[in-house]
């Protein structure tokens, strides 16, 4: 089994990208794999792309993929500012 976690942060017009390949060959019965991609966009001009690729050659497997893209929440901003950062720094 495998559990893959990819985390990224983009700011200033930056771009993050995840390209992943999961291969399950014949005879790998009961194989399990999960991929989680979590991107944080710090501004409105940055972006994140996720390109998962799964090559499964067996029937009895469990595969999963999920991706989330988020901005800094008000709670996260409050926490950082309570630790001494200015709003701009946070």
PDB file of N, CA and C in Angstrom:
ATOM      1  N   UNK A   1       0.846  -1.185   0.000  1.00  0.00           N
ATOM      2  CA  UNK A   1       0.000   0.000   0.000  1.00  0.00           C
ATOM      3  C   UNK A   1       0.884   1.239   0.000  1.00  0.00           C
ATOM      4  N   UNK A   2       0.320   2.335  -0.481  1.00  0.00           N
ATOM      5  CA  UNK A   2       1.049   3.601  -0.482  1.00  0.00           C
ATOM      6  C   UNK A   2       0.093   4.735  -0.156  1.00  0.00           C
ATOM      7  N   UNK A   3       0.643   5.752   0.489  1.00  0.00           N
ATOM      8  CA  UNK A   3      -0.102   6.954   0.809  1.00  0.00           C
ATOM      9  C   UNK A   3       0.795   8.128   0.447  1.00  0.00           C
ATOM     10  N   UNK A   4       0.417   8.883  -0.571  1.00  0.00           N
ATOM     11  CA  UNK A   4       1.234   9.984  -1.068  1.00  0.00           C
ATOM     12  C   UNK A   4       0.555  11.294  -0.712  1.00  0.00           C
ATOM     13  N   UNK A   5       1.307  12.215  -0.075  1.00  0.00           N
ATOM     14  CA  UNK A   5       0.779  13.527   0.284  1.00  0.00           C
ATOM     15  C   UNK A   5       1.690  14.573  -0.344  1.00  0.00           C
ATOM     16  N   UNK A   6       1.102  15.445  -1.153  1.00  0.00           N
ATOM     17  CA  UNK A   6       1.845  16.524  -1.801  1.00  0.00           C
ATOM     18  C   UNK A   6       1.277  17.848  -1.313  1.00  0.00           C
ATOM     19  N   UNK A   7       2.137  18.700  -0.759  1.00  0.00           N
ATOM     20  CA  UNK A   7       1.698  20.011  -0.286  1.00  0.00           C
ATOM     21  C   UNK A   7       2.495  21.075  -1.030  1.00  0.00           C
ATOM     22  N   UNK A   8       1.811  22.178  -1.374  1.00  0.00           N
ATOM     23  CA  UNK A   8       2.491  23.245  -2.100  1.00  0.00           C
ATOM     24  C   UNK A   8       1.903  24.598  -1.723  1.00  0.00           C
ATOM     25  N   UNK A   9       2.712  25.642  -1.927  1.00  0.00           N
ATOM     26  CA  UNK A   9       2.296  27.021  -1.686  1.00  0.00           C
ATOM     27  C   UNK A   9       2.712  27.840  -2.896  1.00  0.00           C
ATOM     28  N   UNK A  10       1.790  28.674  -3.399  1.00  0.00           N
ATOM     29  CA  UNK A  10       2.109  29.553  -4.529  1.00  0.00           C
ATOM     30  C   UNK A  10       1.776  30.988  -4.149  1.00  0.00           C
ATOM     31  N   UNK A  11       2.665  31.902  -4.530  1.00  0.00           N
ATOM     32  CA  UNK A  11       2.419  33.325  -4.289  1.00  0.00           C
ATOM     33  C   UNK A  11       3.108  34.142  -5.371  1.00  0.00           C
ATOM     34  N   UNK A  12       2.713  35.401  -5.472  1.00  0.00           N
ATOM     35  CA  UNK A  12       3.348  36.307  -6.426  1.00  0.00           C
ATOM     36  C   UNK A  12       3.188  35.880  -7.868  1.00  0.00           C
ATOM     37  N   UNK A  13       2.062  35.269  -8.199  1.00  0.00           N
ATOM     38  CA  UNK A  13       1.848  34.792  -9.559  1.00  0.00           C
ATOM     39  C   UNK A  13       2.503  33.453  -9.833  1.00  0.00           C
ATOM     40  N   UNK A  14       2.952  32.793  -8.778  1.00  0.00           N
ATOM     41  CA  UNK A  14       3.607  31.496  -8.926  1.00  0.00           C
ATOM     42  C   UNK A  14       2.633  30.402  -9.325  1.00  0.00           C
ATOM     43  N   UNK A  15       3.196  29.302  -9.744  1.00  0.00           N
ATOM     44  CA  UNK A  15       2.387  28.174 -10.203  1.00  0.00           C
ATOM     45  C   UNK A  15       2.968  26.888  -9.623  1.00  0.00           C
ATOM     46  N   UNK A  16       2.120  26.112  -8.968  1.00  0.00           N
ATOM     47  CA  UNK A  16       2.549  24.812  -8.472  1.00  0.00           C
ATOM     48  C   UNK A  16       1.952  23.730  -9.361  1.00  0.00           C
ATOM     49  N   UNK A  17       2.637  22.622  -9.433  1.00  0.00           N
ATOM     50  CA  UNK A  17       2.164  21.546 -10.291  1.00  0.00           C
ATOM     51  C   UNK A  17       2.515  20.206  -9.659  1.00  0.00           C
ATOM     52  N   UNK A  18       1.562  19.289  -9.649  1.00  0.00           N
ATOM     53  CA  UNK A  18       1.797  17.920  -9.201  1.00  0.00           C
ATOM     54  C   UNK A  18       1.522  16.998 -10.374  1.00  0.00           C
ATOM     55  N   UNK A  19       2.488  16.179 -10.703  1.00  0.00           N
ATOM     56  CA  UNK A  19       2.315  15.150 -11.730  1.00  0.00           C
ATOM     57  C   UNK A  19       2.743  13.840 -11.085  1.00  0.00           C
ATOM     58  N   UNK A  20       1.791  12.946 -10.960  1.00  0.00           N
ATOM     59  CA  UNK A  20       2.096  11.694 -10.276  1.00  0.00           C
ATOM     60  C   UNK A  20       1.626  10.496 -11.061  1.00  0.00           C
ATOM     61  N   UNK A  21       2.365   9.418 -10.953  1.00  0.00           N
ATOM     62  CA  UNK A  21       2.015   8.170 -11.621  1.00  0.00           C
ATOM     63  C   UNK A  21       1.955   7.065 -10.579  1.00  0.00           C
ATOM     64  N   UNK A  22       0.820   6.405 -10.523  1.00  0.00           N
ATOM     65  CA  UNK A  22       0.662   5.217  -9.690  1.00  0.00           C
ATOM     66  C   UNK A  22       0.477   4.036 -10.637  1.00  0.00           C
ATOM     67  N   UNK A  23       1.335   3.044 -10.505  1.00  0.00           N
ATOM     68  CA  UNK A  23       1.235   1.840 -11.332  1.00  0.00           C
ATOM     69  C   UNK A  23       0.921   0.639 -10.444  1.00  0.00           C
ATOM     70  N   UNK A  24      -0.086  -0.116 -10.840  1.00  0.00           N
ATOM     71  CA  UNK A  24      -0.417  -1.369 -10.161  1.00  0.00           C
ATOM     72  C   UNK A  24      -0.390  -2.454 -11.229  1.00  0.00           C
ATOM     73  N   UNK A  25       0.581  -3.334 -11.128  1.00  0.00           N
ATOM     74  CA  UNK A  25       0.750  -4.377 -12.133  1.00  0.00           C
ATOM     75  C   UNK A  25      -0.134  -5.587 -11.894  1.00  0.00           C
ATOM     76  N   UNK A  26      -0.191  -6.433 -12.888  1.00  0.00           N
ATOM     77  CA  UNK A  26      -0.945  -7.685 -12.784  1.00  0.00           C
ATOM     78  C   UNK A  26      -0.414  -8.497 -11.606  1.00  0.00           C
ATOM     79  N   UNK A  27      -1.334  -9.090 -10.874  1.00  0.00           N
ATOM     80  CA  UNK A  27      -0.946  -9.918  -9.739  1.00  0.00           C
ATOM     81  C   UNK A  27      -0.835  -9.168  -8.424  1.00  0.00           C
ATOM     82  N   UNK A  28      -0.986  -7.852  -8.445  1.00  0.00           N
ATOM     83  CA  UNK A  28      -0.889  -7.049  -7.216  1.00  0.00           C
ATOM     84  C   UNK A  28      -2.259  -6.951  -6.550  1.00  0.00           C
ATOM     85  N   UNK A  29      -2.864  -8.102  -6.304  1.00  0.00           N
ATOM     86  CA  UNK A  29      -4.195  -8.145  -5.703  1.00  0.00           C
ATOM     87  C   UNK A  29      -4.172  -7.525  -4.310  1.00  0.00           C
ATOM     88  N   UNK A  30      -5.217  -6.754  -4.011  1.00  0.00           N
ATOM     89  CA  UNK A  30      -5.335  -6.130  -2.701  1.00  0.00           C
ATOM     90  C   UNK A  30      -4.493  -4.881  -2.529  1.00  0.00           C
ATOM     91  N   UNK A  31      -3.854  -4.417  -3.597  1.00  0.00           N
ATOM     92  CA  UNK A  31      -3.039  -3.205  -3.502  1.00  0.00           C
ATOM     93  C   UNK A  31      -3.920  -2.016  -3.135  1.00  0.00           C
ATOM     94  N   UNK A  32      -3.347  -1.103  -2.337  1.00  0.00           N
ATOM     95  CA  UNK A  32      -4.068   0.099  -1.924  1.00  0.00           C
ATOM     96  C   UNK A  32      -3.173   1.305  -2.145  1.00  0.00           C
ATOM     97  N   UNK A  33      -3.759   2.382  -2.648  1.00  0.00           N
ATOM     98  CA  UNK A  33      -3.008   3.612  -2.848  1.00  0.00           C
ATOM     99  C   UNK A  33      -3.942   4.801  -2.712  1.00  0.00           C
ATOM    100  N   UNK A  34      -3.450   5.843  -2.076  1.00  0.00           N
ATOM    101  CA  UNK A  34      -4.209   7.079  -1.945  1.00  0.00           C
ATOM    102  C   UNK A  34      -3.267   8.250  -2.180  1.00  0.00           C
ATOM    103  N   UNK A  35      -3.712   9.222  -2.972  1.00  0.00           N
ATOM    104  CA  UNK A  35      -2.926  10.411  -3.271  1.00  0.00           C
ATOM    105  C   UNK A  35      -3.720  11.626  -2.818  1.00  0.00           C
ATOM    106  N   UNK A  36      -3.083  12.500  -2.037  1.00  0.00           N
ATOM    107  CA  UNK A  36      -3.698  13.736  -1.573  1.00  0.00           C
ATOM    108  C   UNK A  36      -2.818  14.903  -1.995  1.00  0.00           C
ATOM    109  N   UNK A  37      -3.391  15.840  -2.727  1.00  0.00           N
ATOM    110  CA  UNK A  37      -2.680  17.048  -3.145  1.00  0.00           C
ATOM    111  C   UNK A  37      -3.348  18.237  -2.469  1.00  0.00           C
ATOM    112  N   UNK A  38      -2.579  19.006  -1.716  1.00  0.00           N
ATOM    113  CA  UNK A  38      -3.099  20.128  -0.942  1.00  0.00           C
ATOM    114  C   UNK A  38      -2.302  21.372  -1.318  1.00  0.00           C
ATOM    115  N   UNK A  39      -2.960  22.334  -1.975  1.00  0.00           N
ATOM    116  CA  UNK A  39      -2.281  23.549  -2.430  1.00  0.00           C
ATOM    117  C   UNK A  39      -2.837  24.766  -1.699  1.00  0.00           C
ATOM    118  N   UNK A  40      -1.948  25.672  -1.319  1.00  0.00           N
ATOM    119  CA  UNK A  40      -2.328  26.931  -0.686  1.00  0.00           C
ATOM    120  C   UNK A  40      -1.947  28.062  -1.628  1.00  0.00           C
ATOM    121  N   UNK A  41      -2.944  28.850  -2.042  1.00  0.00           N
ATOM    122  CA  UNK A  41      -2.703  30.011  -2.898  1.00  0.00           C
ATOM    123  C   UNK A  41      -2.749  31.255  -2.023  1.00  0.00           C
ATOM    124  N   UNK A  42      -1.653  32.013  -2.026  1.00  0.00           N
ATOM    125  CA  UNK A  42      -1.537  33.164  -1.144  1.00  0.00           C
ATOM    126  C   UNK A  42      -2.156  34.418  -1.754  1.00  0.00           C
ATOM    127  N   UNK A  43      -2.346  34.439  -3.061  1.00  0.00           N
ATOM    128  CA  UNK A  43      -2.942  35.609  -3.711  1.00  0.00           C
ATOM    129  C   UNK A  43      -3.866  35.152  -4.836  1.00  0.00           C
ATOM    130  N   UNK A  44      -4.444  36.116  -5.532  1.00  0.00           N
ATOM    131  CA  UNK A  44      -5.420  35.780  -6.581  1.00  0.00           C
ATOM    132  C   UNK A  44      -4.786  35.561  -7.951  1.00  0.00           C
ATOM    133  N   UNK A  45      -3.484  35.786  -8.081  1.00  0.00           N
ATOM    134  CA  UNK A  45      -2.847  35.642  -9.394  1.00  0.00           C
ATOM    135  C   UNK A  45      -2.014  34.363  -9.517  1.00  0.00           C
ATOM    136  N   UNK A  46      -1.939  33.596  -8.450  1.00  0.00           N
ATOM    137  CA  UNK A  46      -1.194  32.336  -8.476  1.00  0.00           C
ATOM    138  C   UNK A  46      -2.131  31.195  -8.843  1.00  0.00           C
ATOM    139  N   UNK A  47      -1.553  30.041  -9.194  1.00  0.00           N
ATOM    140  CA  UNK A  47      -2.397  28.903  -9.566  1.00  0.00           C
ATOM    141  C   UNK A  47      -1.733  27.581  -9.204  1.00  0.00           C
ATOM    142  N   UNK A  48      -2.553  26.559  -9.206  1.00  0.00           N
ATOM    143  CA  UNK A  48      -2.072  25.217  -8.905  1.00  0.00           C
ATOM    144  C   UNK A  48      -2.732  24.231  -9.860  1.00  0.00           C
ATOM    145  N   UNK A  49      -1.949  23.302 -10.379  1.00  0.00           N
ATOM    146  CA  UNK A  49      -2.460  22.283 -11.293  1.00  0.00           C
ATOM    147  C   UNK A  49      -2.088  20.901 -10.755  1.00  0.00           C
ATOM    148  N   UNK A  50      -3.015  19.960 -10.899  1.00  0.00           N
ATOM    149  CA  UNK A  50      -2.786  18.587 -10.463  1.00  0.00           C
ATOM    150  C   UNK A  50      -3.087  17.645 -11.621  1.00  0.00           C
ATOM    151  N   UNK A  51      -2.116  16.805 -11.951  1.00  0.00           N
ATOM    152  CA  UNK A  51      -2.257  15.861 -13.057  1.00  0.00           C
ATOM    153  C   UNK A  51      -1.961  14.441 -12.573  1.00  0.00           C
ATOM    154  N   UNK A  52      -2.936  13.795 -11.959  1.00  0.00           N
ATOM    155  CA  UNK A  52      -2.682  12.414 -11.530  1.00  0.00           C
ATOM    156  C   UNK A  52      -2.821  11.451 -12.708  1.00  0.00           C
ATOM    157  N   UNK A  53      -2.042  10.397 -12.683  1.00  0.00           N
ATOM    158  CA  UNK A  53      -2.161   9.353 -13.697  1.00  0.00           C
ATOM    159  C   UNK A  53      -2.097   8.012 -12.980  1.00  0.00           C
ATOM    160  N   UNK A  54      -3.096   7.181 -13.226  1.00  0.00           N
ATOM    161  CA  UNK A  54      -3.177   5.882 -12.570  1.00  0.00           C
ATOM    162  C   UNK A  54      -3.211   4.801 -13.645  1.00  0.00           C
ATOM    163  N   UNK A  55      -2.301   3.849 -13.564  1.00  0.00           N
ATOM    164  CA  UNK A  55      -2.229   2.726 -14.496  1.00  0.00           C
ATOM    165  C   UNK A  55      -2.455   1.446 -13.692  1.00  0.00           C
ATOM    166  N   UNK A  56      -3.683   0.926 -13.751  1.00  0.00           N
ATOM    167  CA  UNK A  56      -4.057  -0.243 -12.952  1.00  0.00           C
ATOM    168  C   UNK A  56      -4.286  -1.432 -13.875  1.00  0.00           C
ATOM    169  N   UNK A  57      -3.587  -2.522 -13.607  1.00  0.00           N
ATOM    170  CA  UNK A  57      -3.713  -3.739 -14.419  1.00  0.00           C
ATOM    171  C   UNK A  57      -4.164  -4.931 -13.572  1.00  0.00           C
ATOM    172  N   UNK A  58      -4.939  -4.623 -12.539  1.00  0.00           N
ATOM    173  CA  UNK A  58      -5.471  -5.654 -11.640  1.00  0.00           C
ATOM    174  C   UNK A  58      -6.839  -5.189 -11.163  1.00  0.00           C
ATOM    175  N   UNK A  59      -7.762  -6.147 -10.955  1.00  0.00           N
ATOM    176  CA  UNK A  59      -9.130  -5.789 -10.567  1.00  0.00           C
ATOM    177  C   UNK A  59      -9.303  -5.543  -9.074  1.00  0.00           C
ATOM    178  N   UNK A  60      -8.653  -6.301  -8.239  1.00  0.00           N
ATOM    179  CA  UNK A  60      -8.873  -6.257  -6.795  1.00  0.00           C
ATOM    180  C   UNK A  60      -7.938  -5.248  -6.129  1.00  0.00           C
ATOM    181  N   UNK A  61      -8.191  -3.945  -6.360  1.00  0.00           N
ATOM    182  CA  UNK A  61      -7.357  -2.889  -5.784  1.00  0.00           C
ATOM    183  C   UNK A  61      -8.245  -1.771  -5.246  1.00  0.00           C
ATOM    184  N   UNK A  62      -7.658  -0.934  -4.407  1.00  0.00           N
ATOM    185  CA  UNK A  62      -8.349   0.243  -3.875  1.00  0.00           C
ATOM    186  C   UNK A  62      -7.489   1.463  -4.181  1.00  0.00           C
ATOM    187  N   UNK A  63      -8.028   2.392  -4.975  1.00  0.00           N
ATOM    188  CA  UNK A  63      -7.273   3.575  -5.383  1.00  0.00           C
ATOM    189  C   UNK A  63      -8.074   4.821  -5.040  1.00  0.00           C
ATOM    190  N   UNK A  64      -7.390   5.870  -4.625  1.00  0.00           N
ATOM    191  CA  UNK A  64      -8.074   7.120  -4.339  1.00  0.00           C
ATOM    192  C   UNK A  64      -7.196   8.311  -4.673  1.00  0.00           C
ATOM    193  N   UNK A  65      -7.827   9.418  -5.038  1.00  0.00           N
ATOM    194  CA  UNK A  65      -7.112  10.664  -5.299  1.00  0.00           C
ATOM    195  C   UNK A  65      -8.015  11.817  -4.921  1.00  0.00           C
ATOM    196  N   UNK A  66      -7.460  12.781  -4.208  1.00  0.00           N
ATOM    197  CA  UNK A  66      -8.219  13.984  -3.920  1.00  0.00           C
ATOM    198  C   UNK A  66      -7.274  15.173  -3.950  1.00  0.00           C
ATOM    199  N   UNK A  67      -7.827  16.311  -4.331  1.00  0.00           N
ATOM    200  CA  UNK A  67      -7.039  17.535  -4.410  1.00  0.00           C
ATOM    201  C   UNK A  67      -7.834  18.670  -3.784  1.00  0.00           C
ATOM    202  N   UNK A  68      -7.136  19.508  -3.015  1.00  0.00           N
ATOM    203  CA  UNK A  68      -7.766  20.687  -2.438  1.00  0.00           C
ATOM    204  C   UNK A  68      -6.909  21.902  -2.747  1.00  0.00           C
ATOM    205  N   UNK A  69      -7.572  22.998  -3.023  1.00  0.00           N
ATOM    206  CA  UNK A  69      -6.913  24.282  -3.233  1.00  0.00           C
ATOM    207  C   UNK A  69      -7.593  25.264  -2.296  1.00  0.00           C
ATOM    208  N   UNK A  70      -6.798  25.978  -1.513  1.00  0.00           N
ATOM    209  CA  UNK A  70      -7.391  26.904  -0.556  1.00  0.00           C
ATOM    210  C   UNK A  70      -6.570  28.175  -0.456  1.00  0.00           C
ATOM    211  N   UNK A  71      -7.189  29.169   0.143  1.00  0.00           N
ATOM    212  CA  UNK A  71      -6.513  30.425   0.453  1.00  0.00           C
ATOM    213  C   UNK A  71      -6.310  30.470   1.962  1.00  0.00           C
ATOM    214  N   UNK A  72      -5.517  31.414   2.434  1.00  0.00           N
ATOM    215  CA  UNK A  72      -5.309  31.568   3.869  1.00  0.00           C
ATOM    216  C   UNK A  72      -6.641  31.977   4.488  1.00  0.00           C
ATOM    217  N   UNK A  73      -7.103  31.198   5.454  1.00  0.00           N
ATOM    218  CA  UNK A  73      -8.399  31.482   6.077  1.00  0.00           C
ATOM    219  C   UNK A  73      -8.271  32.602   7.106  1.00  0.00           C
ATOM    220  N   UNK A  74      -9.399  33.150   7.496  1.00  0.00           N
ATOM    221  CA  UNK A  74      -9.410  34.187   8.530  1.00  0.00           C
ATOM    222  C   UNK A  74      -8.830  33.650   9.836  1.00  0.00           C
ATOM    223  N   UNK A  75      -9.133  32.394  10.165  1.00  0.00           N
ATOM    224  CA  UNK A  75      -8.589  31.795  11.389  1.00  0.00           C
ATOM    225  C   UNK A  75      -7.071  31.663  11.320  1.00  0.00           C
ATOM    226  N   UNK A  76      -6.553  31.248  10.172  1.00  0.00           N
ATOM    227  CA  UNK A  76      -5.103  31.135  10.014  1.00  0.00           C
ATOM    228  C   UNK A  76      -4.445  32.506  10.100  1.00  0.00           C
ATOM    229  N   UNK A  77      -5.068  33.493   9.473  1.00  0.00           N
ATOM    230  CA  UNK A  77      -4.547  34.858   9.512  1.00  0.00           C
ATOM    231  C   UNK A  77      -4.527  35.371  10.946  1.00  0.00           C
ATOM    232  N   UNK A  78      -5.609  35.161  11.680  1.00  0.00           N
ATOM    233  CA  UNK A  78      -5.687  35.588  13.078  1.00  0.00           C
ATOM    234  C   UNK A  78      -4.590  34.922  13.901  1.00  0.00           C
ATOM    235  N   UNK A  79      -4.401  33.623  13.704  1.00  0.00           N
ATOM    236  CA  UNK A  79      -3.374  32.890  14.446  1.00  0.00           C
ATOM    237  C   UNK A  79      -1.988  33.481  14.189  1.00  0.00           C
ATOM    238  N   UNK A  80      -1.656  33.704  12.942  1.00  0.00           N
ATOM    239  CA  UNK A  80      -0.338  34.255  12.609  1.00  0.00           C
ATOM    240  C   UNK A  80      -0.152  35.652  13.188  1.00  0.00           C
ATOM    241  N   UNK A  81      -1.200  36.463  13.134  1.00  0.00           N
ATOM    242  CA  UNK A  81      -1.115  37.817  13.684  1.00  0.00           C
ATOM    243  C   UNK A  81      -1.020  37.777  15.209  1.00  0.00           C
ATOM    244  N   UNK A  82      -1.641  36.786  15.848  1.00  0.00           N
ATOM    245  CA  UNK A  82      -1.543  36.659  17.308  1.00  0.00           C
ATOM    246  C   UNK A  82      -0.146  36.235  17.733  1.00  0.00           C
ATOM    247  N   UNK A  83       0.649  35.755  16.798  1.00  0.00           N
ATOM    248  CA  UNK A  83       2.032  35.359  17.069  1.00  0.00           C
ATOM    249  C   UNK A  83       3.026  36.462  16.703  1.00  0.00           C
ATOM    250  N   UNK A  84       2.509  37.670  16.397  1.00  0.00           N
ATOM    251  CA  UNK A  84       3.385  38.810  16.185  1.00  0.00           C
ATOM    252  C   UNK A  84       3.597  39.231  14.744  1.00  0.00           C
ATOM    253  N   UNK A  85       3.042  38.522  13.778  1.00  0.00           N
ATOM    254  CA  UNK A  85       3.190  38.933  12.388  1.00  0.00           C
ATOM    255  C   UNK A  85       2.170  40.017  12.061  1.00  0.00           C
ATOM    256  N   UNK A  86       2.552  40.906  11.171  1.00  0.00           N
ATOM    257  CA  UNK A  86       1.591  41.890  10.683  1.00  0.00           C
ATOM    258  C   UNK A  86       0.663  41.193   9.694  1.00  0.00           C
ATOM    259  N   UNK A  87      -0.435  41.856   9.348  1.00  0.00           N
ATOM    260  CA  UNK A  87      -1.354  41.255   8.381  1.00  0.00           C
ATOM    261  C   UNK A  87      -0.645  41.021   7.051  1.00  0.00           C
ATOM    262  N   UNK A  88       0.201  41.961   6.645  1.00  0.00           N
ATOM    263  CA  UNK A  88       0.938  41.815   5.390  1.00  0.00           C
ATOM    264  C   UNK A  88       1.882  40.612   5.453  1.00  0.00           C
ATOM    265  N   UNK A  89       2.614  40.457   6.568  1.00  0.00           N
ATOM    266  CA  UNK A  89       3.538  39.330   6.712  1.00  0.00           C
ATOM    267  C   UNK A  89       2.797  37.997   6.762  1.00  0.00           C
ATOM    268  N   UNK A  90       1.647  38.011   7.440  1.00  0.00           N
ATOM    269  CA  UNK A  90       0.863  36.778   7.579  1.00  0.00           C
ATOM    270  C   UNK A  90       0.283  36.389   6.240  1.00  0.00           C
TER     271      UNK A  90
END
